Amino acid sequence: MVTSRKKLDFWFWVKVVVIGFMLIFLIYPFCTLITRSFFSTKVDGFTFENYIRFFTKKYYYSALGRSIFVSVVTTITTLVVGVPIAYVMSRYNVWGKQFIHIFIIMSLMSPPFIGAYSWIMLFGRSGLVTNMFSQFGIHLPSIYGKLGIILVFTFKLFPYVYLYTSGAMGSIDSSLEEAAENLGSNKLRRLWTITLPVVLPSIAAGAIMVFMTSLADFGTPMLIGEGYMVLPVLVYNEYMSEIGGNAHLASALSVVVVFCSTTVLLVQKHFVTKKNYVMTAMRPPKEEELHGVKRFLATFPVMLVTFIGILPQIVVIVSSFIKSDFTGFKKGFSLGSYITIFNR
C-alpha cells in the first residue's frame, strides 16, 4: 500500500520532473561547458592550455579586469542611486508614488540590445539630445566607452537595489526606530545605526544581482563599448571569430565568468549571514507627511531618476511609430511597423 501511494503521490512526480529539468537544462550544459574548457584544438587530450593562455596573455586577462571594474563601479553607483530612492519612497508622501513604483519596475524590462540602442539614439554622436545641445554650443560627453557602459548599467539596474531595499524598509518594526529616537538619536544617526544595518542583507542581495547581471551582460558593452573589451564580448568573439571560432577557449572564458560570479555570491552570503535579522513587523513605519517645498525636494530627484531609467522604453515606443524603409527612419508617424508585424 505504501509503495502504490508513493507511485501516485503528485508531489513526488513534481520533484522528479523538476530535478529532470535541472539535469537537462542546467547541470548538463554547465558540465559540458567545464569539460570543453579542458580540451583544445592545438593539444590532444586533457589540457590546461586554454587557462594558461588566458592568464598569460594580457589581451585576455585585461578583459576580466575591465569586466570586474565595470561591475564593481556599477554596483556602487546603483547603491548610491537605489538606496536613497527606496528610503524616500518608503518614508515620505512622494507625489505619484504608485506610478513611480510601476515605472521603476518597467525600466527593468528593457532588452540589453534595445536599451543600449535607445541610449545611442539619444546620446550617440548623432543622437537627438546630442544634436539639441550642440545647437547651443554645448558638447556632451561621449556615451561610448567604459563611462557610457557604467551609465547605462546604473540606470538600467538600480531597480534591483530599489526593489530589495524598499521591501525590507517596509517590513521594519517602527518600535526599533522609536526606541532609538527616545534615546536621543537624530534621523541621520538612526538611519546609520538602526535602519541600514537591519536592511543590509536586502541591500546586499540587490547589489549581488546588479554585480552578476552587469558582469554577464553582453548587449550593452557590445554596442556602447567601442573597443572597451569586456569578458562577455570576448567570449562572443571567440565563438564567432571570422577566422574560425575557438569554442574550447570560449568555454574557458565562460568558466572564468561563472567562477567570479560564484565567488562574489559566496563572499556576500558569508558576510550577510552574520548580520541577518528576523523580525515581525507588527507596526510598519508610518509615512511622514511633507508639504510644499519639502515635498517637492523629496519628489523631484526620484522622478528625475525614474524618468532617466524609463527613457529607453519611451524611445522604443516612439520609434515604433516613426515611418521607416530600407534606408532607415523617415519623417512622420504611422502604424506601418505594426501592420508589417501582424501581416507577416
C-alpha atoms as a PDB file:
ATOM      1  CA  MET A   1       0.000   0.000   0.000  1.00  0.00           C
ATOM      2  CA  VAL A   2       2.812   2.411   0.880  1.00  0.00           C
ATOM      3  CA  THR A   3       4.555   1.737  -2.464  1.00  0.00           C
ATOM      4  CA  SER A   4       1.384   2.224  -4.517  1.00  0.00           C
ATOM      5  CA  ARG A   5       0.630   5.500  -2.713  1.00  0.00           C
ATOM      6  CA  LYS A   6       4.133   6.742  -3.381  1.00  0.00           C
ATOM      7  CA  LYS A   7       3.739   5.967  -7.080  1.00  0.00           C
ATOM      8  CA  LEU A   8       0.568   8.026  -7.154  1.00  0.00           C
ATOM      9  CA  ASP A   9       1.975  10.835  -4.989  1.00  0.00           C
ATOM     10  CA  PHE A  10       1.600  14.030  -7.054  1.00  0.00           C
ATOM     11  CA  TRP A  11       4.410  15.980  -5.376  1.00  0.00           C
ATOM     12  CA  PHE A  12       6.817  13.061  -5.761  1.00  0.00           C
ATOM     13  CA  TRP A  13       6.429  13.244  -9.536  1.00  0.00           C
ATOM     14  CA  VAL A  14       6.638  17.041  -9.449  1.00  0.00           C
ATOM     15  CA  LYS A  15      10.049  16.671  -7.783  1.00  0.00           C
ATOM     16  CA  VAL A  16      11.102  14.134 -10.395  1.00  0.00           C
ATOM     17  CA  VAL A  17      10.112  16.496 -13.228  1.00  0.00           C
ATOM     18  CA  VAL A  18      11.853  19.492 -11.617  1.00  0.00           C
ATOM     19  CA  ILE A  19      15.052  17.532 -10.993  1.00  0.00           C
ATOM     20  CA  GLY A  20      14.897  16.180 -14.548  1.00  0.00           C
ATOM     21  CA  PHE A  21      14.608  19.699 -15.991  1.00  0.00           C
ATOM     22  CA  MET A  22      17.519  20.866 -13.841  1.00  0.00           C
ATOM     23  CA  LEU A  23      19.681  17.977 -15.006  1.00  0.00           C
ATOM     24  CA  ILE A  24      18.862  18.542 -18.678  1.00  0.00           C
ATOM     25  CA  PHE A  25      18.821  22.349 -18.889  1.00  0.00           C
ATOM     26  CA  LEU A  26      21.201  23.390 -16.088  1.00  0.00           C
ATOM     27  CA  ILE A  27      23.575  20.696 -14.867  1.00  0.00           C
ATOM     28  CA  TYR A  28      24.297  19.095 -18.247  1.00  0.00           C
ATOM     29  CA  PRO A  29      25.102  22.353 -20.130  1.00  0.00           C
ATOM     30  CA  PHE A  30      27.222  23.568 -17.230  1.00  0.00           C
ATOM     31  CA  CYS A  31      29.177  20.304 -17.024  1.00  0.00           C
ATOM     32  CA  THR A  32      29.647  20.366 -20.811  1.00  0.00           C
ATOM     33  CA  LEU A  33      30.986  23.916 -20.562  1.00  0.00           C
ATOM     34  CA  ILE A  34      33.535  22.927 -17.910  1.00  0.00           C
ATOM     35  CA  THR A  35      34.673  19.752 -19.696  1.00  0.00           C
ATOM     36  CA  ARG A  36      35.049  21.521 -23.037  1.00  0.00           C
ATOM     37  CA  SER A  37      37.285  24.162 -21.425  1.00  0.00           C
ATOM     38  CA  PHE A  38      39.912  21.469 -20.670  1.00  0.00           C
ATOM     39  CA  PHE A  39      40.338  20.489 -24.322  1.00  0.00           C
ATOM     40  CA  SER A  40      41.976  22.326 -27.190  1.00  0.00           C
ATOM     41  CA  THR A  41      42.309  22.093 -30.948  1.00  0.00           C
ATOM     42  CA  LYS A  42      46.073  22.582 -30.588  1.00  0.00           C
ATOM     43  CA  VAL A  43      46.728  19.884 -27.964  1.00  0.00           C
ATOM     44  CA  ASP A  44      45.458  16.322 -27.854  1.00  0.00           C
ATOM     45  CA  GLY A  45      43.632  15.124 -24.789  1.00  0.00           C
ATOM     46  CA  PHE A  46      43.058  16.796 -21.434  1.00  0.00           C
ATOM     47  CA  THR A  47      44.942  20.092 -21.099  1.00  0.00           C
ATOM     48  CA  PHE A  48      45.103  23.416 -19.210  1.00  0.00           C
ATOM     49  CA  GLU A  49      46.216  25.193 -22.386  1.00  0.00           C
ATOM     50  CA  ASN A  50      43.137  27.457 -22.531  1.00  0.00           C
ATOM     51  CA  TYR A  51      43.543  28.648 -18.932  1.00  0.00           C
ATOM     52  CA  ILE A  52      47.301  29.127 -19.348  1.00  0.00           C
ATOM     53  CA  ARG A  53      46.611  31.209 -22.432  1.00  0.00           C
ATOM     54  CA  PHE A  54      44.048  33.280 -20.545  1.00  0.00           C
ATOM     55  CA  PHE A  55      46.298  34.082 -17.568  1.00  0.00           C
ATOM     56  CA  THR A  56      49.484  34.704 -19.589  1.00  0.00           C
ATOM     57  CA  LYS A  57      48.149  36.919 -22.398  1.00  0.00           C
ATOM     58  CA  LYS A  58      47.216  40.473 -21.478  1.00  0.00           C
ATOM     59  CA  TYR A  59      44.553  40.599 -24.189  1.00  0.00           C
ATOM     60  CA  TYR A  60      42.523  38.029 -22.237  1.00  0.00           C
ATOM     61  CA  TYR A  61      43.126  38.741 -18.555  1.00  0.00           C
ATOM     62  CA  SER A  62      42.784  42.515 -19.056  1.00  0.00           C
ATOM     63  CA  ALA A  63      39.229  41.879 -20.299  1.00  0.00           C
ATOM     64  CA  LEU A  64      38.493  40.222 -16.953  1.00  0.00           C
ATOM     65  CA  GLY A  65      39.887  43.275 -15.152  1.00  0.00           C
ATOM     66  CA  ARG A  66      37.679  45.586 -17.212  1.00  0.00           C
ATOM     67  CA  SER A  67      34.608  43.434 -16.526  1.00  0.00           C
ATOM     68  CA  ILE A  68      35.232  43.439 -12.778  1.00  0.00           C
ATOM     69  CA  PHE A  69      35.902  47.197 -12.815  1.00  0.00           C
ATOM     70  CA  VAL A  70      32.651  47.931 -14.647  1.00  0.00           C
ATOM     71  CA  SER A  71      30.671  45.560 -12.391  1.00  0.00           C
ATOM     72  CA  VAL A  72      32.105  46.948  -9.136  1.00  0.00           C
ATOM     73  CA  VAL A  73      31.611  50.591 -10.133  1.00  0.00           C
ATOM     74  CA  THR A  74      28.093  49.824 -11.405  1.00  0.00           C
ATOM     75  CA  THR A  75      27.250  48.116  -8.116  1.00  0.00           C
ATOM     76  CA  ILE A  76      28.433  51.178  -6.173  1.00  0.00           C
ATOM     77  CA  THR A  77      26.547  53.651  -8.371  1.00  0.00           C
ATOM     78  CA  THR A  78      23.321  51.628  -8.230  1.00  0.00           C
ATOM     79  CA  LEU A  79      23.588  51.563  -4.433  1.00  0.00           C
ATOM     80  CA  VAL A  80      24.108  55.326  -4.383  1.00  0.00           C
ATOM     81  CA  VAL A  81      21.014  55.778  -6.562  1.00  0.00           C
ATOM     82  CA  GLY A  82      18.763  52.923  -5.430  1.00  0.00           C
ATOM     83  CA  VAL A  83      19.047  53.005  -1.624  1.00  0.00           C
ATOM     84  CA  PRO A  84      18.139  56.721  -1.169  1.00  0.00           C
ATOM     85  CA  ILE A  85      15.212  56.366  -3.584  1.00  0.00           C
ATOM     86  CA  ALA A  86      13.966  53.311  -1.663  1.00  0.00           C
ATOM     87  CA  TYR A  87      14.232  55.226   1.621  1.00  0.00           C
ATOM     88  CA  VAL A  88      12.407  58.315   0.315  1.00  0.00           C
ATOM     89  CA  MET A  89       9.698  56.226  -1.347  1.00  0.00           C
ATOM     90  CA  SER A  90       9.068  54.149   1.786  1.00  0.00           C
ATOM     91  CA  ARG A  91       9.180  57.007   4.295  1.00  0.00           C
ATOM     92  CA  TYR A  92       7.646  60.089   2.653  1.00  0.00           C
ATOM     93  CA  ASN A  93       4.484  61.017   0.754  1.00  0.00           C
ATOM     94  CA  VAL A  94       6.108  61.342  -2.655  1.00  0.00           C
ATOM     95  CA  TRP A  95       3.821  62.628  -5.413  1.00  0.00           C
ATOM     96  CA  GLY A  96       2.626  59.865  -7.734  1.00  0.00           C
ATOM     97  CA  LYS A  97       4.296  57.163  -5.652  1.00  0.00           C
ATOM     98  CA  GLN A  98       2.344  54.261  -7.173  1.00  0.00           C
ATOM     99  CA  PHE A  99       3.098  55.336 -10.746  1.00  0.00           C
ATOM    100  CA  ILE A 100       6.779  55.913  -9.942  1.00  0.00           C
ATOM    101  CA  HIS A 101       6.986  52.416  -8.456  1.00  0.00           C
ATOM    102  CA  ILE A 102       5.478  50.926 -11.635  1.00  0.00           C
ATOM    103  CA  PHE A 103       7.806  52.919 -13.903  1.00  0.00           C
ATOM    104  CA  ILE A 104      10.866  51.826 -11.916  1.00  0.00           C
ATOM    105  CA  ILE A 105       9.861  48.188 -12.379  1.00  0.00           C
ATOM    106  CA  MET A 106       9.197  48.795 -16.095  1.00  0.00           C
ATOM    107  CA  SER A 107      12.716  50.187 -16.545  1.00  0.00           C
ATOM    108  CA  LEU A 108      13.989  46.656 -15.841  1.00  0.00           C
ATOM    109  CA  MET A 109      12.070  45.310 -18.830  1.00  0.00           C
ATOM    110  CA  SER A 110      14.383  46.714 -21.482  1.00  0.00           C
ATOM    111  CA  PRO A 111      16.249  44.045 -23.512  1.00  0.00           C
ATOM    112  CA  PRO A 112      20.034  44.686 -23.497  1.00  0.00           C
ATOM    113  CA  PHE A 113      20.390  45.494 -27.199  1.00  0.00           C
ATOM    114  CA  ILE A 114      17.248  47.627 -27.419  1.00  0.00           C
ATOM    115  CA  GLY A 115      18.107  49.564 -24.260  1.00  0.00           C
ATOM    116  CA  ALA A 116      21.652  50.292 -25.404  1.00  0.00           C
ATOM    117  CA  TYR A 117      20.445  51.241 -28.890  1.00  0.00           C
ATOM    118  CA  SER A 118      17.954  53.681 -27.340  1.00  0.00           C
ATOM    119  CA  TRP A 119      20.770  55.408 -25.461  1.00  0.00           C
ATOM    120  CA  ILE A 120      22.736  55.685 -28.714  1.00  0.00           C
ATOM    121  CA  MET A 121      19.705  57.239 -30.432  1.00  0.00           C
ATOM    122  CA  LEU A 122      19.573  59.830 -27.651  1.00  0.00           C
ATOM    123  CA  PHE A 123      23.210  60.481 -26.717  1.00  0.00           C
ATOM    124  CA  GLY A 124      25.201  58.996 -29.612  1.00  0.00           C
ATOM    125  CA  ARG A 125      27.319  61.146 -31.923  1.00  0.00           C
ATOM    126  CA  SER A 126      24.215  61.974 -33.970  1.00  0.00           C
ATOM    127  CA  GLY A 127      21.755  61.415 -31.144  1.00  0.00           C
ATOM    128  CA  LEU A 128      18.654  63.512 -30.564  1.00  0.00           C
ATOM    129  CA  VAL A 129      19.822  65.045 -27.269  1.00  0.00           C
ATOM    130  CA  THR A 130      23.408  65.428 -28.512  1.00  0.00           C
ATOM    131  CA  ASN A 131      22.297  67.413 -31.574  1.00  0.00           C
ATOM    132  CA  MET A 132      19.909  69.500 -29.492  1.00  0.00           C
ATOM    133  CA  PHE A 133      22.675  70.599 -27.093  1.00  0.00           C
ATOM    134  CA  SER A 134      25.215  71.100 -29.899  1.00  0.00           C
ATOM    135  CA  GLN A 135      22.953  73.779 -31.405  1.00  0.00           C
ATOM    136  CA  PHE A 136      23.628  75.835 -28.266  1.00  0.00           C
ATOM    137  CA  GLY A 137      27.371  75.146 -28.405  1.00  0.00           C
ATOM    138  CA  ILE A 138      27.254  72.544 -25.625  1.00  0.00           C
ATOM    139  CA  HIS A 139      29.121  69.322 -26.361  1.00  0.00           C
ATOM    140  CA  LEU A 140      28.020  66.420 -24.174  1.00  0.00           C
ATOM    141  CA  PRO A 141      30.483  63.716 -23.066  1.00  0.00           C
ATOM    142  CA  SER A 142      30.560  60.638 -25.266  1.00  0.00           C
ATOM    143  CA  ILE A 143      28.160  57.821 -24.428  1.00  0.00           C
ATOM    144  CA  TYR A 144      30.707  55.327 -25.747  1.00  0.00           C
ATOM    145  CA  GLY A 145      33.401  53.561 -23.719  1.00  0.00           C
ATOM    146  CA  LYS A 146      33.541  52.437 -20.102  1.00  0.00           C
ATOM    147  CA  LEU A 147      31.787  55.511 -18.662  1.00  0.00           C
ATOM    148  CA  GLY A 148      28.893  55.025 -21.070  1.00  0.00           C
ATOM    149  CA  ILE A 149      28.600  51.351 -20.125  1.00  0.00           C
ATOM    150  CA  ILE A 150      28.532  52.251 -16.422  1.00  0.00           C
ATOM    151  CA  LEU A 151      25.954  54.994 -17.004  1.00  0.00           C
ATOM    152  CA  VAL A 152      23.615  52.688 -18.933  1.00  0.00           C
ATOM    153  CA  PHE A 153      24.065  49.878 -16.406  1.00  0.00           C
ATOM    154  CA  THR A 154      23.363  52.235 -13.490  1.00  0.00           C
ATOM    155  CA  PHE A 155      20.001  53.456 -14.753  1.00  0.00           C
ATOM    156  CA  LYS A 156      19.060  50.025 -16.044  1.00  0.00           C
ATOM    157  CA  LEU A 157      19.937  48.010 -12.914  1.00  0.00           C
ATOM    158  CA  PHE A 158      19.235  50.349  -9.980  1.00  0.00           C
ATOM    159  CA  PRO A 159      15.654  48.929  -9.751  1.00  0.00           C
ATOM    160  CA  TYR A 160      17.158  45.707  -8.335  1.00  0.00           C
ATOM    161  CA  VAL A 161      18.584  47.637  -5.385  1.00  0.00           C
ATOM    162  CA  TYR A 162      15.431  49.716  -5.067  1.00  0.00           C
ATOM    163  CA  LEU A 163      13.060  46.725  -5.003  1.00  0.00           C
ATOM    164  CA  TYR A 164      15.069  44.723  -2.448  1.00  0.00           C
ATOM    165  CA  THR A 165      15.678  47.736  -0.207  1.00  0.00           C
ATOM    166  CA  SER A 166      12.186  49.226  -0.297  1.00  0.00           C
ATOM    167  CA  GLY A 167      10.671  45.836   0.518  1.00  0.00           C
ATOM    168  CA  ALA A 168      12.953  45.488   3.543  1.00  0.00           C
ATOM    169  CA  MET A 169      12.365  49.054   4.737  1.00  0.00           C
ATOM    170  CA  GLY A 170       8.636  48.498   4.618  1.00  0.00           C
ATOM    171  CA  SER A 171       8.937  45.475   6.940  1.00  0.00           C
ATOM    172  CA  ILE A 172      10.952  47.149   9.730  1.00  0.00           C
ATOM    173  CA  ASP A 173       9.139  47.329  13.036  1.00  0.00           C
ATOM    174  CA  SER A 174       8.803  51.037  13.817  1.00  0.00           C
ATOM    175  CA  SER A 175       9.344  50.346  17.530  1.00  0.00           C
ATOM    176  CA  LEU A 176      13.084  49.951  16.810  1.00  0.00           C
ATOM    177  CA  GLU A 177      13.357  53.415  15.317  1.00  0.00           C
ATOM    178  CA  GLU A 178      11.119  54.900  18.014  1.00  0.00           C
ATOM    179  CA  ALA A 179      13.349  53.387  20.711  1.00  0.00           C
ATOM    180  CA  ALA A 180      16.409  54.965  19.096  1.00  0.00           C
ATOM    181  CA  GLU A 181      14.596  58.286  18.873  1.00  0.00           C
ATOM    182  CA  ASN A 182      13.628  58.124  22.550  1.00  0.00           C
ATOM    183  CA  LEU A 183      17.299  57.578  23.400  1.00  0.00           C
ATOM    184  CA  GLY A 184      18.174  60.847  21.699  1.00  0.00           C
ATOM    185  CA  SER A 185      19.228  59.723  18.203  1.00  0.00           C
ATOM    186  CA  ASN A 186      18.537  62.148  15.385  1.00  0.00           C
ATOM    187  CA  LYS A 187      17.240  60.970  11.996  1.00  0.00           C
ATOM    188  CA  LEU A 188      20.662  60.624  10.397  1.00  0.00           C
ATOM    189  CA  ARG A 189      22.147  58.647  13.278  1.00  0.00           C
ATOM    190  CA  ARG A 190      19.039  56.478  13.467  1.00  0.00           C
ATOM    191  CA  LEU A 191      19.348  55.764   9.757  1.00  0.00           C
ATOM    192  CA  TRP A 192      23.022  54.687  10.051  1.00  0.00           C
ATOM    193  CA  THR A 193      22.766  52.732  13.306  1.00  0.00           C
ATOM    194  CA  ILE A 194      19.302  51.137  13.070  1.00  0.00           C
ATOM    195  CA  THR A 195      17.646  51.252   9.648  1.00  0.00           C
ATOM    196  CA  LEU A 196      20.568  50.477   7.305  1.00  0.00           C
ATOM    197  CA  PRO A 197      22.070  47.643   9.422  1.00  0.00           C
ATOM    198  CA  VAL A 198      18.660  45.951   9.611  1.00  0.00           C
ATOM    199  CA  VAL A 199      18.070  46.128   5.838  1.00  0.00           C
ATOM    200  CA  LEU A 200      21.728  45.409   4.955  1.00  0.00           C
ATOM    201  CA  PRO A 201      21.047  41.775   3.878  1.00  0.00           C
ATOM    202  CA  SER A 202      18.421  43.010   1.398  1.00  0.00           C
ATOM    203  CA  ILE A 203      20.722  45.745   0.112  1.00  0.00           C
ATOM    204  CA  ALA A 204      23.459  43.156  -0.358  1.00  0.00           C
ATOM    205  CA  ALA A 205      21.040  40.872  -2.228  1.00  0.00           C
ATOM    206  CA  GLY A 206      20.191  43.693  -4.623  1.00  0.00           C
ATOM    207  CA  ALA A 207      23.884  44.550  -5.020  1.00  0.00           C
ATOM    208  CA  ILE A 208      24.824  40.966  -5.891  1.00  0.00           C
ATOM    209  CA  MET A 209      22.061  40.892  -8.524  1.00  0.00           C
ATOM    210  CA  VAL A 210      23.484  44.067 -10.066  1.00  0.00           C
ATOM    211  CA  PHE A 211      27.053  42.735  -9.970  1.00  0.00           C
ATOM    212  CA  MET A 212      26.263  39.410 -11.636  1.00  0.00           C
ATOM    213  CA  THR A 213      23.945  40.950 -14.229  1.00  0.00           C
ATOM    214  CA  SER A 214      26.473  43.606 -15.257  1.00  0.00           C
ATOM    215  CA  LEU A 215      29.300  41.050 -15.272  1.00  0.00           C
ATOM    216  CA  ALA A 216      27.418  38.768 -17.671  1.00  0.00           C
ATOM    217  CA  ASP A 217      25.742  41.439 -19.823  1.00  0.00           C
ATOM    218  CA  PHE A 218      26.772  41.256 -23.471  1.00  0.00           C
ATOM    219  CA  GLY A 219      24.499  43.608 -25.408  1.00  0.00           C
ATOM    220  CA  THR A 220      25.357  46.918 -23.739  1.00  0.00           C
ATOM    221  CA  PRO A 221      29.189  46.626 -23.912  1.00  0.00           C
ATOM    222  CA  MET A 222      28.898  45.258 -27.447  1.00  0.00           C
ATOM    223  CA  LEU A 223      27.029  48.333 -28.723  1.00  0.00           C
ATOM    224  CA  ILE A 224      28.447  51.066 -26.486  1.00  0.00           C
ATOM    225  CA  GLY A 225      31.890  49.740 -25.543  1.00  0.00           C
ATOM    226  CA  GLU A 226      33.617  50.658 -28.836  1.00  0.00           C
ATOM    227  CA  GLY A 227      36.864  48.818 -28.184  1.00  0.00           C
ATOM    228  CA  TYR A 228      36.452  48.617 -24.406  1.00  0.00           C
ATOM    229  CA  MET A 229      36.593  44.835 -24.404  1.00  0.00           C
ATOM    230  CA  VAL A 230      34.894  43.083 -21.506  1.00  0.00           C
ATOM    231  CA  LEU A 231      34.742  39.346 -20.922  1.00  0.00           C
ATOM    232  CA  PRO A 232      31.236  38.566 -22.349  1.00  0.00           C
ATOM    233  CA  VAL A 233      32.129  40.341 -25.606  1.00  0.00           C
ATOM    234  CA  LEU A 234      35.428  38.451 -25.693  1.00  0.00           C
ATOM    235  CA  VAL A 235      33.569  35.142 -25.244  1.00  0.00           C
ATOM    236  CA  TYR A 236      31.276  36.021 -28.139  1.00  0.00           C
ATOM    237  CA  ASN A 237      34.223  36.981 -30.346  1.00  0.00           C
ATOM    238  CA  GLU A 238      35.945  33.672 -29.605  1.00  0.00           C
ATOM    239  CA  TYR A 239      32.816  31.717 -30.525  1.00  0.00           C
ATOM    240  CA  MET A 240      32.063  33.734 -33.662  1.00  0.00           C
ATOM    241  CA  SER A 241      35.555  34.618 -34.866  1.00  0.00           C
ATOM    242  CA  GLU A 242      35.774  35.294 -38.620  1.00  0.00           C
ATOM    243  CA  ILE A 243      38.952  33.206 -38.851  1.00  0.00           C
ATOM    244  CA  GLY A 244      37.337  30.229 -37.144  1.00  0.00           C
ATOM    245  CA  GLY A 245      35.821  30.187 -33.683  1.00  0.00           C
ATOM    246  CA  ASN A 246      37.557  28.569 -30.741  1.00  0.00           C
ATOM    247  CA  ALA A 247      34.764  27.024 -28.685  1.00  0.00           C
ATOM    248  CA  HIS A 248      37.205  25.484 -26.187  1.00  0.00           C
ATOM    249  CA  LEU A 249      38.801  28.824 -25.315  1.00  0.00           C
ATOM    250  CA  ALA A 250      35.384  30.489 -25.228  1.00  0.00           C
ATOM    251  CA  SER A 251      34.237  27.809 -22.772  1.00  0.00           C
ATOM    252  CA  ALA A 252      37.251  28.507 -20.552  1.00  0.00           C
ATOM    253  CA  LEU A 253      36.444  32.235 -20.602  1.00  0.00           C
ATOM    254  CA  SER A 254      32.833  31.433 -19.683  1.00  0.00           C
ATOM    255  CA  VAL A 255      34.015  29.298 -16.763  1.00  0.00           C
ATOM    256  CA  VAL A 256      36.061  32.275 -15.527  1.00  0.00           C
ATOM    257  CA  VAL A 257      32.925  34.457 -15.599  1.00  0.00           C
ATOM    258  CA  VAL A 258      30.947  31.823 -13.689  1.00  0.00           C
ATOM    259  CA  PHE A 259      33.780  31.410 -11.164  1.00  0.00           C
ATOM    260  CA  CYS A 260      33.917  35.168 -10.493  1.00  0.00           C
ATOM    261  CA  SER A 261      30.131  35.390 -10.033  1.00  0.00           C
ATOM    262  CA  THR A 262      30.061  32.357  -7.725  1.00  0.00           C
ATOM    263  CA  THR A 263      32.955  33.682  -5.631  1.00  0.00           C
ATOM    264  CA  VAL A 264      31.271  37.059  -5.114  1.00  0.00           C
ATOM    265  CA  LEU A 265      27.983  35.317  -4.264  1.00  0.00           C
ATOM    266  CA  LEU A 266      29.648  33.094  -1.628  1.00  0.00           C
ATOM    267  CA  VAL A 267      31.506  36.048  -0.089  1.00  0.00           C
ATOM    268  CA  GLN A 268      28.258  38.012   0.059  1.00  0.00           C
ATOM    269  CA  LYS A 269      26.416  35.130   1.721  1.00  0.00           C
ATOM    270  CA  HIS A 270      29.254  34.663   4.239  1.00  0.00           C
ATOM    271  CA  PHE A 271      29.124  38.255   5.456  1.00  0.00           C
ATOM    272  CA  VAL A 272      25.368  38.686   5.231  1.00  0.00           C
ATOM    273  CA  THR A 273      24.590  35.588   7.319  1.00  0.00           C
ATOM    274  CA  LYS A 274      26.472  37.206  10.205  1.00  0.00           C
ATOM    275  CA  LYS A 275      24.172  40.234  10.070  1.00  0.00           C
ATOM    276  CA  ASN A 276      20.873  38.609   9.207  1.00  0.00           C
ATOM    277  CA  TYR A 277      17.878  39.744  11.251  1.00  0.00           C
ATOM    278  CA  VAL A 278      14.463  38.164  11.639  1.00  0.00           C
ATOM    279  CA  MET A 279      11.602  40.315  12.830  1.00  0.00           C
ATOM    280  CA  THR A 280       7.849  40.583  12.670  1.00  0.00           C
ATOM    281  CA  ALA A 281       6.688  43.993  11.552  1.00  0.00           C
ATOM    282  CA  MET A 282       3.802  44.384  13.989  1.00  0.00           C
ATOM    283  CA  ARG A 283       3.989  48.149  13.477  1.00  0.00           C
ATOM    284  CA  PRO A 284       5.256  49.064   9.993  1.00  0.00           C
ATOM    285  CA  PRO A 285       6.848  52.520   9.663  1.00  0.00           C
ATOM    286  CA  LYS A 286       4.406  55.358   9.128  1.00  0.00           C
ATOM    287  CA  GLU A 287       4.670  57.538   6.067  1.00  0.00           C
ATOM    288  CA  GLU A 288       5.830  61.029   7.025  1.00  0.00           C
ATOM    289  CA  GLU A 289       3.711  63.821   5.556  1.00  0.00           C
ATOM    290  CA  LEU A 290       5.672  66.513   3.745  1.00  0.00           C
ATOM    291  CA  HIS A 291       4.211  69.692   2.311  1.00  0.00           C
ATOM    292  CA  GLY A 292       5.189  72.433  -0.072  1.00  0.00           C
ATOM    293  CA  VAL A 293       8.877  72.823  -0.911  1.00  0.00           C
ATOM    294  CA  LYS A 294       9.944  69.834   1.222  1.00  0.00           C
ATOM    295  CA  ARG A 295       7.611  67.528  -0.642  1.00  0.00           C
ATOM    296  CA  PHE A 296       8.878  68.860  -3.981  1.00  0.00           C
ATOM    297  CA  LEU A 297      12.525  68.367  -2.921  1.00  0.00           C
ATOM    298  CA  ALA A 298      11.754  64.771  -1.942  1.00  0.00           C
ATOM    299  CA  THR A 299       9.806  64.038  -5.138  1.00  0.00           C
ATOM    300  CA  PHE A 300      11.917  65.731  -7.825  1.00  0.00           C
ATOM    301  CA  PRO A 301      15.108  63.579  -7.550  1.00  0.00           C
ATOM    302  CA  VAL A 302      13.014  60.392  -7.505  1.00  0.00           C
ATOM    303  CA  MET A 303      11.045  61.475 -10.586  1.00  0.00           C
ATOM    304  CA  LEU A 304      14.226  62.543 -12.401  1.00  0.00           C
ATOM    305  CA  VAL A 305      15.995  59.201 -11.868  1.00  0.00           C
ATOM    306  CA  THR A 306      12.826  57.291 -12.753  1.00  0.00           C
ATOM    307  CA  PHE A 307      12.429  59.314 -15.954  1.00  0.00           C
ATOM    308  CA  ILE A 308      16.037  58.617 -16.999  1.00  0.00           C
ATOM    309  CA  GLY A 309      15.541  54.917 -16.213  1.00  0.00           C
ATOM    310  CA  ILE A 310      12.362  54.659 -18.292  1.00  0.00           C
ATOM    311  CA  LEU A 311      13.774  56.773 -21.149  1.00  0.00           C
ATOM    312  CA  PRO A 312      14.856  53.773 -23.310  1.00  0.00           C
ATOM    313  CA  GLN A 313      11.312  52.390 -23.201  1.00  0.00           C
ATOM    314  CA  ILE A 314       9.921  55.784 -24.235  1.00  0.00           C
ATOM    315  CA  VAL A 315      12.364  55.900 -27.153  1.00  0.00           C
ATOM    316  CA  VAL A 316      11.359  52.371 -28.217  1.00  0.00           C
ATOM    317  CA  ILE A 317       7.642  53.226 -28.117  1.00  0.00           C
ATOM    318  CA  VAL A 318       8.053  56.478 -30.056  1.00  0.00           C
ATOM    319  CA  SER A 319      10.403  54.866 -32.597  1.00  0.00           C
ATOM    320  CA  SER A 320       7.902  52.099 -33.273  1.00  0.00           C
ATOM    321  CA  PHE A 321       5.505  54.688 -34.749  1.00  0.00           C
ATOM    322  CA  ILE A 322       8.076  56.514 -36.919  1.00  0.00           C
ATOM    323  CA  LYS A 323       7.880  55.848 -40.647  1.00  0.00           C
ATOM    324  CA  SER A 324      10.762  53.797 -41.981  1.00  0.00           C
ATOM    325  CA  ASP A 325      12.004  51.945 -45.028  1.00  0.00           C
ATOM    326  CA  PHE A 326      15.146  50.009 -46.000  1.00  0.00           C
ATOM    327  CA  THR A 327      17.223  53.217 -45.657  1.00  0.00           C
ATOM    328  CA  GLY A 328      16.146  53.894 -42.060  1.00  0.00           C
ATOM    329  CA  PHE A 329      13.744  56.326 -40.376  1.00  0.00           C
ATOM    330  CA  LYS A 330      11.769  58.956 -42.327  1.00  0.00           C
ATOM    331  CA  LYS A 331       9.755  61.974 -41.233  1.00  0.00           C
ATOM    332  CA  GLY A 332       6.260  61.367 -39.939  1.00  0.00           C
ATOM    333  CA  PHE A 333       4.483  58.724 -37.898  1.00  0.00           C
ATOM    334  CA  SER A 334       2.439  55.714 -38.940  1.00  0.00           C
ATOM    335  CA  LEU A 335       1.279  52.255 -37.886  1.00  0.00           C
ATOM    336  CA  GLY A 336       3.298  50.687 -40.704  1.00  0.00           C
ATOM    337  CA  SER A 337       5.636  48.736 -38.431  1.00  0.00           C
ATOM    338  CA  TYR A 338       2.748  47.181 -36.521  1.00  0.00           C
ATOM    339  CA  ILE A 339       0.906  46.364 -39.747  1.00  0.00           C
ATOM    340  CA  THR A 340       4.028  44.626 -41.032  1.00  0.00           C
ATOM    341  CA  ILE A 341       4.300  42.579 -37.825  1.00  0.00           C
ATOM    342  CA  PHE A 342       0.720  41.286 -37.994  1.00  0.00           C
ATOM    343  CA  ASN A 343       0.754  40.702 -41.755  1.00  0.00           C
ATOM    344  CA  ARG A 344       3.922  38.601 -41.865  1.00  0.00           C
END
